[in-house]
Structures are given as structure tokens and as C-alpha cells.
Protein backbone atom coordinates (compact mmCIF):
# COMPACT_ATOMS: atom_id res chain seq x y z
CA MET A 1 0.12 0.01 0.16
CA ARG A 2 1.16 3.55 -0.67
CA PHE A 3 0.92 6.55 1.29
CA LYS A 4 0.86 10.51 0.83
CA ARG A 5 1.06 13.43 2.94
CA ALA A 6 -2.53 14.79 3.38
CA GLY A 7 -3.20 17.98 1.36
CA THR A 8 -5.34 19.31 3.83
CA LEU A 9 -2.95 20.16 6.75
CA VAL A 10 -2.33 23.35 8.48
CA VAL A 11 0.77 23.53 10.76
CA TYR A 12 1.20 26.14 13.67
CA TRP A 13 2.79 26.45 16.94
CA GLN A 14 0.80 26.25 20.12
CA ASP A 15 3.09 27.43 23.29
CA GLU A 16 6.11 25.33 22.60
CA GLN A 17 4.35 22.37 20.60
CA LEU A 18 4.21 22.06 16.93
CA VAL A 19 0.69 21.36 16.04
CA PHE A 20 -0.61 19.63 12.78
CA HIS A 21 -4.38 20.02 11.94
CA ASN A 22 -6.11 18.12 9.10
CA TYR A 23 -9.15 20.25 8.49
CA ALA A 24 -10.98 17.87 6.15
CA GLN A 25 -10.75 14.93 8.92
CA ARG A 26 -11.08 17.56 11.84
CA SER A 27 -8.08 15.79 13.57
CA THR A 28 -5.44 17.73 15.51
CA VAL A 29 -2.09 16.20 16.83
CA GLN A 30 1.20 17.31 18.14
CA ALA A 31 4.31 16.39 16.54
CA SER A 32 8.12 16.46 16.37
CA PHE A 33 10.23 18.05 13.83
CA VAL A 34 11.23 14.82 12.55
CA THR A 35 7.60 14.59 11.26
CA MET A 36 8.31 17.36 8.87
CA GLU A 37 10.94 15.42 7.45
CA ILE A 38 8.80 12.29 6.88
CA LEU A 39 6.03 14.27 5.67
CA ASN A 40 8.18 15.91 2.95
CA PHE A 41 9.30 12.43 1.89
CA PHE A 42 5.68 11.49 1.44
CA ASN A 43 4.92 14.50 -0.79
CA ASP A 44 4.07 11.71 -3.55
CA TRP A 45 2.96 8.34 -3.17
CA GLN A 46 5.28 6.30 -1.58
CA THR A 47 5.57 2.79 0.31
CA THR A 48 6.86 2.16 3.78
CA GLU A 49 9.53 0.03 1.92
CA ALA A 50 10.84 3.07 0.19
CA ALA A 51 10.69 5.18 3.20
CA ALA A 52 12.85 2.58 5.31
CA ALA A 53 15.36 2.81 2.65
CA PHE A 54 15.39 6.40 2.26
CA PHE A 55 15.71 6.88 6.23
CA ASP A 56 18.28 4.29 6.61
CA GLY A 57 19.25 5.46 10.04
CA TYR A 58 16.11 4.07 11.38
CA SER A 59 14.84 0.49 11.50
CA ALA A 60 12.05 -0.71 8.99
CA ALA A 61 10.03 -1.44 12.14
CA SER A 62 10.16 2.11 13.38
CA ILE A 63 9.38 3.59 10.16
CA ALA A 64 6.42 1.24 9.79
CA GLY A 65 5.36 2.27 13.16
CA ALA A 66 5.65 6.17 12.46
CA VAL A 67 3.70 5.68 9.25
CA ALA A 68 0.84 3.89 11.19
CA GLU A 69 0.76 6.75 13.60
CA LEU A 70 0.83 9.40 11.15
CA LEU A 71 -1.94 7.61 9.25
CA ASP A 72 -4.05 7.41 12.64
CA GLY A 73 -3.54 11.13 13.20
CA GLY A 74 -4.68 12.19 9.72
CA LEU A 75 -1.14 13.50 8.61
CA LEU A 76 -0.85 10.74 5.91
CA ILE A 77 -3.46 9.24 3.76
CA ALA A 78 -3.62 5.76 2.12
CA GLU A 79 -4.01 5.20 -1.57
CA ALA A 80 -7.64 4.60 -2.99
CA THR A 81 -9.38 5.07 0.44
CA PRO A 82 -12.33 7.55 1.04
CA ALA A 83 -9.93 9.85 2.79
CA ALA A 84 -7.58 10.06 -0.24
CA LEU A 85 -10.57 10.80 -2.63
CA GLN A 86 -12.05 13.48 -0.41
CA ASP A 87 -8.45 15.13 -0.17
CA GLN A 88 -8.21 14.78 -3.78
CA ALA A 89 -11.29 16.64 -4.32
CA ILE A 90 -10.81 19.33 -1.99
CA GLY A 91 -7.48 20.04 -3.49
CA ARG A 92 -8.89 20.05 -6.80
CA ASP A 93 -12.19 22.07 -6.43
CA TRP A 94 -11.63 24.31 -3.51
CA ALA A 95 -7.97 25.32 -4.84
CA PRO A 96 -8.94 28.96 -5.36
CA TRP A 97 -10.03 29.63 -1.71
CA LEU A 98 -7.45 27.51 -0.05
CA PRO A 99 -5.98 27.66 2.68
CA GLU A 100 -8.29 30.40 3.93
CA ALA A 101 -11.48 28.33 3.24
CA SER A 102 -9.95 25.47 5.42
CA PHE A 103 -12.08 26.90 8.12
CA HIS A 104 -15.13 25.66 6.42
CA PHE A 105 -14.07 22.11 6.70
CA SER A 106 -12.82 22.58 10.21
CA SER A 107 -16.04 23.86 11.69
CA LYS A 108 -18.14 20.85 10.39
CA ASP A 109 -19.85 18.48 12.51
CA ALA A 110 -19.36 20.51 15.79
CA ALA A 111 -20.64 18.86 18.98
CA TYR A 112 -23.74 20.35 20.38
CA VAL A 113 -25.44 20.70 23.84
CA HIS A 114 -28.95 19.14 23.52
CA ARG A 115 -31.84 21.51 23.91
CA ASP A 116 -33.52 19.54 26.36
CA SER A 117 -30.55 19.13 28.80
CA PRO A 118 -31.00 20.40 32.02
CA PRO A 119 -30.16 24.13 32.67
CA GLU A 120 -27.41 23.12 35.02
CA LEU A 121 -25.63 21.32 32.09
CA LYS A 122 -26.00 24.20 29.79
CA GLN A 123 -24.53 26.53 32.49
CA SER A 124 -21.66 24.32 33.11
CA SER A 125 -20.74 24.64 29.56
CA LEU A 126 -20.41 28.58 30.06
CA PRO A 127 -17.35 30.48 31.00
CA ILE A 128 -17.17 31.61 34.85
CA THR A 129 -16.67 35.09 33.60
CA PRO A 130 -19.95 37.32 33.12
CA PRO A 131 -21.10 37.55 29.57
CA PRO A 132 -19.54 40.66 27.54
CA PRO A 133 -21.95 43.75 27.14
CA PHE A 134 -24.66 43.51 24.62
CA PHE A 135 -24.44 47.00 23.67
CA LYS A 136 -21.45 49.53 22.93
CA SER A 137 -21.14 53.10 24.01
CA ILE A 138 -18.54 55.37 22.80
CA ALA A 139 -17.05 56.89 25.96
CA GLY A 140 -17.06 60.73 26.00
CA ALA A 141 -19.09 61.28 23.11
CA THR A 142 -22.06 63.48 22.94
CA ALA A 143 -25.26 61.63 22.12
CA ILE A 144 -27.38 62.65 19.20
CA ALA A 145 -31.06 61.75 19.60
CA LEU A 146 -32.70 60.54 16.56
CA PRO A 147 -36.18 60.96 15.42
CA THR A 148 -38.67 58.32 16.75
CA PRO A 149 -39.30 55.88 14.03
CA ALA A 150 -42.85 55.49 12.38
CA MET A 151 -43.05 52.38 10.32
CA PRO A 152 -45.21 52.87 7.38
CA LEU A 153 -47.26 49.94 6.14
CA GLN A 154 -46.86 48.50 2.89
CA ASP A 155 -47.81 45.09 1.30
CA PHE A 156 -44.73 42.82 2.02
CA GLY A 157 -45.02 40.94 -1.05
CA GLU A 158 -44.74 44.15 -3.12
CA VAL A 159 -41.74 45.01 -1.02
CA LEU A 160 -39.93 41.63 -1.83
CA LEU A 161 -40.51 42.06 -5.48
CA ARG A 162 -39.45 45.63 -5.67
CA ARG A 163 -36.10 44.82 -3.52
CA ARG A 164 -33.17 45.64 -5.83
CA THR A 165 -29.71 46.49 -5.50
CA HIS A 166 -28.88 49.98 -6.62
CA ARG A 167 -25.60 51.54 -7.70
CA LYS A 168 -26.71 54.73 -9.42
CA PHE A 169 -27.74 57.55 -6.94
CA SER A 170 -28.79 61.09 -7.22
CA ALA A 171 -27.37 64.10 -5.32
CA GLN A 172 -30.46 64.26 -3.28
CA ALA A 173 -29.80 64.03 0.38
CA VAL A 174 -31.59 61.48 2.37
CA ALA A 175 -33.89 62.47 5.44
CA LEU A 176 -32.62 62.00 9.11
CA ALA A 177 -36.18 60.34 9.84
CA ASP A 178 -35.30 57.75 7.22
CA ILE A 179 -32.00 57.06 8.64
CA ALA A 180 -33.42 56.77 12.10
CA GLN A 181 -36.01 54.52 10.67
CA LEU A 182 -33.30 52.15 9.21
CA LEU A 183 -31.14 52.00 12.33
CA SER A 184 -34.00 51.47 14.57
CA MET A 185 -35.97 48.92 12.66
CA VAL A 186 -32.54 46.92 11.78
CA TRP A 187 -30.40 47.24 14.65
CA GLY A 188 -32.60 48.62 17.33
CA VAL A 189 -33.78 46.61 20.34
CA LYS A 190 -37.43 45.84 20.14
CA GLY A 191 -37.83 43.98 23.46
CA TYR A 192 -36.30 41.32 25.78
CA ILE A 193 -36.89 37.60 26.71
CA ASP A 194 -35.99 36.32 30.15
CA THR A 195 -34.35 33.00 30.11
CA PRO A 196 -33.37 30.73 33.06
CA THR A 197 -29.87 29.90 31.75
CA PHE A 198 -28.77 33.11 29.97
CA GLY A 199 -30.67 35.93 31.64
CA LYS A 200 -32.18 38.74 29.85
CA LEU A 201 -31.72 38.65 26.17
CA PRO A 202 -32.44 41.44 23.63
CA LEU A 203 -34.85 40.85 20.66
CA LYS A 204 -34.26 42.47 17.42
CA THR A 205 -35.96 42.50 14.03
CA SER A 206 -33.46 39.80 12.49
CA PRO A 207 -32.61 36.47 14.27
CA SER A 208 -29.07 36.13 15.87
CA GLY A 209 -27.57 32.61 17.03
CA GLY A 210 -28.44 32.39 20.71
CA ALA A 211 -29.65 35.81 20.92
CA ARG A 212 -26.10 36.90 21.20
CA HIS A 213 -26.40 39.82 18.56
CA PRO A 214 -22.77 40.57 17.97
CA GLY A 215 -23.40 42.87 15.44
CA GLU A 216 -22.76 46.70 15.66
CA VAL A 217 -23.41 49.42 13.14
CA TYR A 218 -21.77 53.00 12.28
CA LEU A 219 -23.38 55.40 10.28
CA MET A 220 -21.17 57.09 7.52
CA ALA A 221 -23.42 60.32 6.78
CA LEU A 222 -22.28 61.80 3.71
CA ARG A 223 -25.70 63.55 2.68
CA VAL A 224 -28.26 63.31 5.68
CA GLU A 225 -30.60 66.21 5.96
CA GLY A 226 -29.91 67.80 9.41
CA LEU A 227 -26.85 65.75 10.44
CA ALA A 228 -23.11 66.92 9.93
CA PRO A 229 -21.04 64.67 7.67
CA GLY A 230 -19.13 61.89 9.72
CA ILE A 231 -18.97 58.53 11.15
CA TYR A 232 -21.37 58.01 14.15
CA HIS A 233 -21.81 54.74 16.24
CA TYR A 234 -25.41 53.78 16.83
CA HIS A 235 -26.86 52.76 20.40
CA PRO A 236 -29.31 50.30 19.85
CA VAL A 237 -31.38 50.75 23.00
CA ASP A 238 -30.92 54.70 23.52
CA HIS A 239 -31.71 55.36 19.76
CA THR A 240 -28.73 57.81 19.78
CA LEU A 241 -25.72 58.64 17.52
CA SER A 242 -22.30 59.18 18.94
CA LEU A 243 -19.56 60.80 16.57
CA VAL A 244 -16.49 58.93 16.13
CA ASN A 245 -14.87 60.27 13.10
CA GLY A 246 -15.58 63.43 11.59
CA GLN A 247 -13.20 62.98 8.46
CA VAL A 248 -15.53 61.79 5.67
CA SER A 249 -15.62 62.06 1.96
CA PRO A 250 -17.27 60.48 -1.09
CA GLU A 251 -13.87 59.38 -2.07
CA ARG A 252 -13.14 57.72 1.47
CA ALA A 253 -16.39 56.10 1.15
CA ALA A 254 -15.39 54.40 -1.88
CA SER A 255 -11.93 53.46 -0.76
CA TYR A 256 -13.60 51.50 2.36
CA CYS A 257 -15.24 49.32 -0.43
CA ALA A 258 -12.38 48.32 -2.66
CA ASP A 259 -12.58 51.67 -4.61
CA GLN A 260 -15.98 50.91 -6.03
CA ARG A 261 -16.91 54.75 -7.39
CA TYR A 262 -20.64 54.15 -6.87
CA VAL A 263 -20.40 53.75 -2.97
CA GLY A 264 -19.02 57.47 -2.83
CA ASP A 265 -22.33 58.53 -4.64
CA ALA A 266 -24.54 57.13 -1.78
CA ALA A 267 -25.88 59.40 0.73
CA ALA A 268 -25.09 57.05 3.70
CA LEU A 269 -23.24 53.90 4.23
CA PHE A 270 -23.86 51.56 7.27
CA LEU A 271 -20.53 49.96 8.26
CA MET A 272 -21.43 46.73 9.98
CA THR A 273 -19.23 45.13 12.43
CA ALA A 274 -19.17 42.07 14.91
CA MET A 275 -18.20 41.77 18.52
CA PHE A 276 -17.04 38.39 18.46
CA PRO A 277 -16.61 38.00 22.29
CA ARG A 278 -20.45 38.21 22.54
CA THR A 279 -20.88 34.88 20.64
CA MET A 280 -17.68 33.29 21.78
CA TRP A 281 -18.82 33.71 25.52
CA LYS A 282 -21.78 31.17 24.79
CA TYR A 283 -20.17 29.08 21.80
CA HIS A 284 -16.70 27.84 22.21
CA LYS A 285 -16.53 26.02 18.99
CA PRO A 286 -15.06 27.77 16.03
CA ARG A 287 -18.30 26.82 13.93
CA ALA A 288 -19.94 29.84 15.70
CA TYR A 289 -17.82 32.10 13.46
CA ARG A 290 -20.38 30.77 10.61
CA VAL A 291 -23.30 31.93 13.04
CA VAL A 292 -21.63 35.46 13.03
CA LEU A 293 -21.63 35.71 9.29
CA LEU A 294 -25.41 34.31 8.91
CA ASP A 295 -26.36 37.19 11.51
CA THR A 296 -24.63 39.77 9.32
CA GLY A 297 -26.17 38.44 6.31
CA HIS A 298 -29.92 38.54 8.22
CA LEU A 299 -29.08 42.26 8.98
CA GLY A 300 -28.18 43.09 5.60
CA GLN A 301 -31.49 41.57 3.97
CA THR A 302 -33.51 43.42 6.63
CA PHE A 303 -31.53 46.49 5.94
CA CYS A 304 -32.41 46.03 1.94
CA LEU A 305 -36.04 45.56 2.43
CA LEU A 306 -36.77 48.37 4.93
CA ALA A 307 -34.95 50.70 2.54
CA THR A 308 -36.81 49.56 -0.28
CA ALA A 309 -40.21 49.95 1.92
CA LEU A 310 -39.04 53.60 2.61
CA GLY A 311 -38.69 54.56 -1.15
CA LEU A 312 -34.72 54.32 -0.89
CA ALA A 313 -32.09 52.68 -3.19
CA PRO A 314 -30.09 50.05 -1.10
CA PHE A 315 -27.14 47.97 -1.89
CA GLY A 316 -24.86 45.90 -0.03
CA THR A 317 -20.98 44.77 -0.53
CA ALA A 318 -18.50 42.61 1.07
CA ALA A 319 -15.63 44.02 -1.11
CA LEU A 320 -13.96 45.84 1.79
CA LYS A 321 -10.64 47.29 2.95
CA ASP A 322 -11.28 45.65 6.65
CA THR A 323 -7.97 47.36 8.05
CA LEU A 324 -8.79 50.88 6.77
CA ILE A 325 -12.34 50.89 7.92
CA GLU A 326 -11.42 49.53 11.37
CA HIS A 327 -8.63 52.26 11.70
CA ASP A 328 -11.20 55.06 10.96
CA LEU A 329 -13.82 53.34 13.25
CA GLY A 330 -11.29 53.22 16.09
CA ILE A 331 -11.68 49.38 16.75
CA ASP A 332 -8.99 46.80 17.28
CA GLY A 333 -9.92 44.28 14.35
CA VAL A 334 -9.77 41.59 16.81
CA ASN A 335 -12.41 41.70 19.18
CA GLU A 336 -14.33 43.84 17.03
CA SER A 337 -13.90 43.86 13.05
CA ALA A 338 -15.33 44.95 9.84
CA MET A 339 -18.08 42.50 8.38
CA TYR A 340 -20.11 44.14 5.71
CA VAL A 341 -21.08 47.49 4.39
CA THR A 342 -24.71 48.48 3.23
CA GLY A 343 -25.81 51.97 2.06
CA VAL A 344 -28.62 53.93 0.56
CA GLY A 345 -29.41 57.11 -1.51
CA HIS A 346 -32.06 58.31 -3.52
CA ARG A 347 -32.38 56.43 -7.04
CA ARG A 348 -31.18 58.48 -10.16
CA THR A 349 -34.06 59.33 -12.19
CA ASN A 350 -34.02 56.88 -15.26
CA ALA A 351 -31.31 54.86 -13.45
CA ALA A 352 -31.40 51.19 -14.14
């Protein structure tokens, strides 16, 4: 039988240990530097006999034993096995996205606490530290009160059918009342639910995994009636804005979104971030990162539908210069990071 180094390996340091992770098999083992030499030999299909001849300083039995251990740990794969076929398929079909997309495979088939488990068991899985705050406030900033939202009643089916992504905008400013409506109905807290295990949890118009609501939003006002241009943080309970950066321009807005010029023509951008510790506190498995992405998508769709109902022209883009946005927002990019940008304007007359 022939063996080959698995193509789905990620190697990293953990403290003083060298760690090998096979993201396809979701197996993680610690190994020595000698392992690197052996895996390098098995860069192509090889037999244990060939390995014993190559590493002639070791006995054939020790080489065979090492191969068996590496096979068991997922570092080597055997020819014509399901693991080998999977390895080949991932390397071929996912090549454009690797190694970054290894997270997709690493986070599959996570273990879960059953929903009917007693509260004590659920509680035992949580950190002993208190949960992170649900809401972020900008220290020292003056809170700007927003108009009270008044939701117009429309046929939901009509709104769904009218929703489109727009990239051509007029020079008309957007009313502050419409901006307030978007912030309140997409990101604002609409109530609470009391739970025996997790306490008081906020409710919003979009679902969030475990009601952790990691999403934050910053308004980049370019042409908003009654509001000075700038970047503002939105508080979802107080329904207020706090200025975090007064240096804005259409050019800066476009640069946030991979220099897409239409972004700078919008009247307002909504810079969406995620506070990862909120979700991490409850969900320790890395699969929960997918939940954060799903949460962000839910908010984006709610935003687009509401903007459509308000007669505005919405768009969304994930083509972001993350570090630039995070710098201008004054966030660290580690605990809080840029995720998605949506925006609105008034549709340009005769614009498709």
C-alpha cells in the first residue's frame, strides 16, 4: 500500500508544541520536527519500504510504526481510500479559496449541547466570567437623539418584489427620519426575553444565533438632512448617535469598498461590524463564526427590504478594505472587526 502526505494540513505553534491539523478530517495532533521530514518524503505516493530505504538510519519497524501513527493522526492518507478521494477533491475543487477556506471544513460536524439538557448542564458549559456587554457605548461622546421611527405600512410581497441592488444615486440628501427608521428597525432593540440560563436577552427584527447579537453598526453620513457629515456609532437601546470620526468624503467611502466609485455617490453608508466575544462567550466551538456571518447577512437583508419600503435605493457589498475601515472606526480588528457595508441613496432618475 502507498501513502501520501495529506493535502489538507495546517501547521502552527501552540505554546512550545508543533501542531498539525487536518481540516478535512478535523483531527489535531502534536508532533516533532522529525515528522516534517517524513511528511516531506511522502509528498508523492510512497511505500513504507521506500521510506525505510530513504531513512536508513532508522529500522524498518520504526518507520512502519511512524507511518501507522501518522496515518492514524490524519497526517498521511492511504491510496484509494475515501480519505484520499476527499483529499483529492478538496485540493482540486477548492483550490482558489485555500488555505483560508479550510475554516469551512474545520468547523463542520460540531458537538452540541442538546436543547432538552437540564439548565445545570447548559450552565456548566459557559465561562465562569460574566458575559460581555450586549451594547457598546462611545465613551465621552455626546449622544445625538434620533427621530422616533414611524413604520409605514406596505404590502410585504410588493416590497420583496421591488427589492433591487442599486448603484446609481442622485445628489439628493436622505432625510434623517429615514436614517433613524433604518437604524431602529434593523439594529434597534425591540424587546427582551428572560431565560433561566442566560438571563435577559435582547430581541431585534433579525434573528441571531443564541440571541447574542454580535452586530454593531456605524453610520457614515455623507448627505443626511440635519446631520453633519461624519461617522457615528448607533446605540440600539438609546436610539442615539455618537460621533467617532468627522473626516469623511465620497472618496473615503469608495476606498472602504475596494474603490467602487458608486459607493461614494450614496448618501449614507452603514458600516457593520461584529463583536466576537459576545458569541464566543456562549459558543466555544469555531463553527460559531459561521453564525456571526449568518447574523450579518440577516441584518443586511432586513436593511435592504426596509430601505425599499421607505422608497430608498439600497445596496450591500463585502468588497471591503477591512483594516482601513477598522482604523477609521477606532476598533481593534480583533475583538471587533468589519464584516459588511450597506448603503442607501435616492435613485437617480431613469437609472436602471
